[in-house]
């Protein structure tokens, strides 16, 4: 598989940013890689694909983090409302 210069640049940017610290940043990187590859095959628009993929991946990571936090909050609330009885 041969990549063009724009794909190589996009992948180089992703490789340089490989030290991610948050889920949203990781979502951006994953989306950028997928978007760059898809953009490459869609009329050689790898950079535009990477930008769009980053935005979508970031949004999805933030939403997933919110959902996880909401579920944890519901579990904590349920535990405080209905504490389990322990047999002595």
Protein backbone atom coordinates (compact mmCIF):
# COMPACT_ATOMS: atom_id res chain seq x y z
CA UNK A 1 0.00 0.00 0.00
CA UNK A 2 1.52 3.31 -1.06
CA UNK A 3 0.59 6.49 0.81
CA UNK A 4 0.89 10.00 -0.56
CA UNK A 5 2.76 12.85 1.08
CA UNK A 6 -0.34 14.24 2.77
CA UNK A 7 -1.09 10.89 4.38
CA UNK A 8 2.50 10.56 5.52
CA UNK A 9 2.33 14.04 7.07
CA UNK A 10 -0.93 13.27 8.84
CA UNK A 11 0.46 10.03 10.21
CA UNK A 12 3.63 11.81 11.32
CA UNK A 13 1.57 14.33 13.27
CA UNK A 14 -0.34 11.50 14.93
CA UNK A 15 2.93 9.72 15.76
CA UNK A 16 4.36 12.87 17.35
CA UNK A 17 1.28 13.26 19.50
CA UNK A 18 1.37 9.65 20.68
CA UNK A 19 1.85 10.61 24.32
CA UNK A 20 -1.79 11.22 25.17
CA UNK A 21 -3.01 11.88 28.68
CA UNK A 22 -6.81 12.03 28.48
CA UNK A 23 -9.49 9.94 26.84
CA UNK A 24 -10.57 12.89 24.69
CA UNK A 25 -7.04 13.24 23.32
CA UNK A 26 -6.88 9.51 22.68
CA UNK A 27 -10.20 9.75 20.86
CA UNK A 28 -8.80 12.53 18.72
CA UNK A 29 -5.76 10.47 17.78
CA UNK A 30 -7.74 7.35 16.98
CA UNK A 31 -10.18 9.38 14.92
CA UNK A 32 -7.36 11.18 13.14
CA UNK A 33 -5.72 7.93 12.09
CA UNK A 34 -8.99 6.47 10.82
CA UNK A 35 -9.93 9.74 9.14
CA UNK A 36 -6.53 10.07 7.45
CA UNK A 37 -6.75 6.58 6.02
CA UNK A 38 -10.35 7.07 4.90
CA UNK A 39 -9.50 10.47 3.45
CA UNK A 40 -6.57 9.02 1.57
CA UNK A 41 -8.85 6.60 -0.23
CA UNK A 42 -11.52 9.27 -0.75
CA UNK A 43 -9.79 11.31 -3.42
CA UNK A 44 -6.54 11.87 -1.50
CA UNK A 45 -7.89 14.12 1.25
CA UNK A 46 -5.94 12.58 4.14
CA UNK A 47 -5.39 15.82 6.05
CA UNK A 48 -9.06 16.80 5.87
CA UNK A 49 -9.99 13.27 6.94
CA UNK A 50 -7.59 13.46 9.88
CA UNK A 51 -9.07 16.78 11.02
CA UNK A 52 -12.64 15.52 10.77
CA UNK A 53 -11.70 12.21 12.40
CA UNK A 54 -10.05 14.02 15.29
CA UNK A 55 -13.15 16.12 15.91
CA UNK A 56 -15.46 13.10 15.79
CA UNK A 57 -13.15 10.94 17.93
CA UNK A 58 -12.82 13.71 20.52
CA UNK A 59 -16.60 14.14 20.71
CA UNK A 60 -17.17 10.39 21.06
CA UNK A 61 -14.54 10.10 23.83
CA UNK A 62 -16.09 12.99 25.79
CA UNK A 63 -19.56 11.46 25.48
CA UNK A 64 -18.26 8.04 26.60
CA UNK A 65 -16.57 9.65 29.61
CA UNK A 66 -19.81 11.45 30.55
CA UNK A 67 -21.78 8.21 30.26
CA UNK A 68 -19.29 6.32 32.42
CA UNK A 69 -19.35 9.06 35.06
CA UNK A 70 -23.16 9.09 35.03
CA UNK A 71 -23.33 5.33 35.53
CA UNK A 72 -20.87 5.49 38.42
CA UNK A 73 -22.92 8.25 40.02
CA UNK A 74 -26.12 6.16 39.69
CA UNK A 75 -24.45 3.16 41.33
CA UNK A 76 -23.14 5.31 44.17
CA UNK A 77 -26.59 6.87 44.66
CA UNK A 78 -28.26 3.45 44.68
CA UNK A 79 -25.80 2.19 47.28
CA UNK A 80 -26.48 5.14 49.60
CA UNK A 81 -30.25 4.78 49.21
CA UNK A 82 -30.35 1.00 49.76
CA UNK A 83 -27.37 -0.09 51.86
CA UNK A 84 -26.87 -3.82 51.92
CA UNK A 85 -27.51 -5.44 55.25
CA UNK A 86 -24.70 -7.53 56.66
CA UNK A 87 -25.32 -10.59 58.80
CA UNK A 88 -23.44 -10.56 62.12
